[in-house]
Amino acid sequence: MKNRLREFREVHGLTQEELARALGVTRQTIIAIEKGKYDPSLKLAFKIARFFGVKIEDIFIYDEDQ
């Protein structure tokens, strides 16, 4: 699944560590999501979207071909 997490994080002036703390996850989790190596749980995806005040689909893009 593709995502725009890094873009949203940078627009808001946050480091990976700051975002991780705000969401209650590790920095490694944020890195893995940004690199597309880890798909977050639905609960975490909602938490991320709510944190940025957007819909899940604004951050996470489902690619049926993958």
Protein backbone atom coordinates (compact mmCIF):
# COMPACT_ATOMS: atom_id res chain seq x y z
CA MET A 1 0.00 0.00 0.00
CA LYS A 2 1.37 3.39 -0.97
CA ASN A 3 1.19 6.29 1.45
CA ARG A 4 1.84 9.99 1.82
CA LEU A 5 2.81 9.86 5.49
CA ARG A 6 6.23 11.45 5.00
CA GLU A 7 4.67 14.27 2.99
CA PHE A 8 2.07 14.99 5.71
CA ARG A 9 4.70 14.74 8.45
CA GLU A 10 7.06 17.16 6.72
CA VAL A 11 4.32 19.67 5.88
CA HIS A 12 3.49 19.76 9.59
CA GLY A 13 7.15 20.20 10.52
CA LEU A 14 7.39 17.00 12.52
CA THR A 15 10.32 14.64 12.92
CA GLN A 16 9.74 10.90 12.77
CA GLU A 17 10.38 10.78 16.51
CA GLU A 18 7.81 13.50 17.27
CA LEU A 19 5.15 11.80 15.16
CA ALA A 20 5.93 8.44 16.71
CA ARG A 21 5.54 9.86 20.24
CA ALA A 22 2.26 11.57 19.33
CA LEU A 23 0.86 8.29 17.96
CA GLY A 24 2.26 6.03 20.67
CA VAL A 25 4.46 3.98 18.33
CA THR A 26 8.18 3.64 17.76
CA ARG A 27 10.22 5.72 15.33
CA GLN A 28 11.03 2.45 13.55
CA THR A 29 7.30 1.95 12.89
CA ILE A 30 7.06 5.40 11.28
CA ILE A 31 10.15 4.69 9.16
CA ALA A 32 8.75 1.35 8.01
CA ILE A 33 5.36 2.85 7.11
CA GLU A 34 6.97 5.73 5.20
CA LYS A 35 9.16 3.31 3.23
CA GLY A 36 6.17 1.09 2.43
CA LYS A 37 7.70 -1.86 4.25
CA TYR A 38 4.90 -2.04 6.82
CA ASP A 39 1.16 -1.53 6.44
CA PRO A 40 -0.33 -0.13 9.65
CA SER A 41 -3.27 -1.74 11.35
CA LEU A 42 -6.64 -0.19 10.63
CA LYS A 43 -6.62 1.28 14.14
CA LEU A 44 -3.25 2.95 13.58
CA ALA A 45 -4.27 4.17 10.11
CA PHE A 46 -7.33 5.88 11.65
CA LYS A 47 -5.15 7.33 14.41
CA ILE A 48 -2.73 8.78 11.85
CA ALA A 49 -5.54 10.25 9.75
CA ARG A 50 -7.23 11.80 12.78
CA PHE A 51 -3.92 13.24 13.96
CA PHE A 52 -3.58 15.11 10.66
CA GLY A 53 -7.31 15.89 10.42
CA VAL A 54 -7.80 14.06 7.12
CA LYS A 55 -9.43 10.90 5.77
CA ILE A 56 -7.47 7.65 5.66
CA GLU A 57 -7.66 7.75 1.85
CA ASP A 58 -5.80 11.07 1.86
CA ILE A 59 -2.74 9.38 3.37
CA PHE A 60 -2.98 5.73 2.35
CA ILE A 61 -3.50 4.69 -1.27
CA TYR A 62 -4.65 1.15 -1.91
CA ASP A 63 -3.07 -0.30 -5.03
CA GLU A 64 -4.99 -3.36 -6.25
CA ASP A 65 -2.05 -4.41 -8.43
CA GLN A 66 0.22 -4.98 -5.44
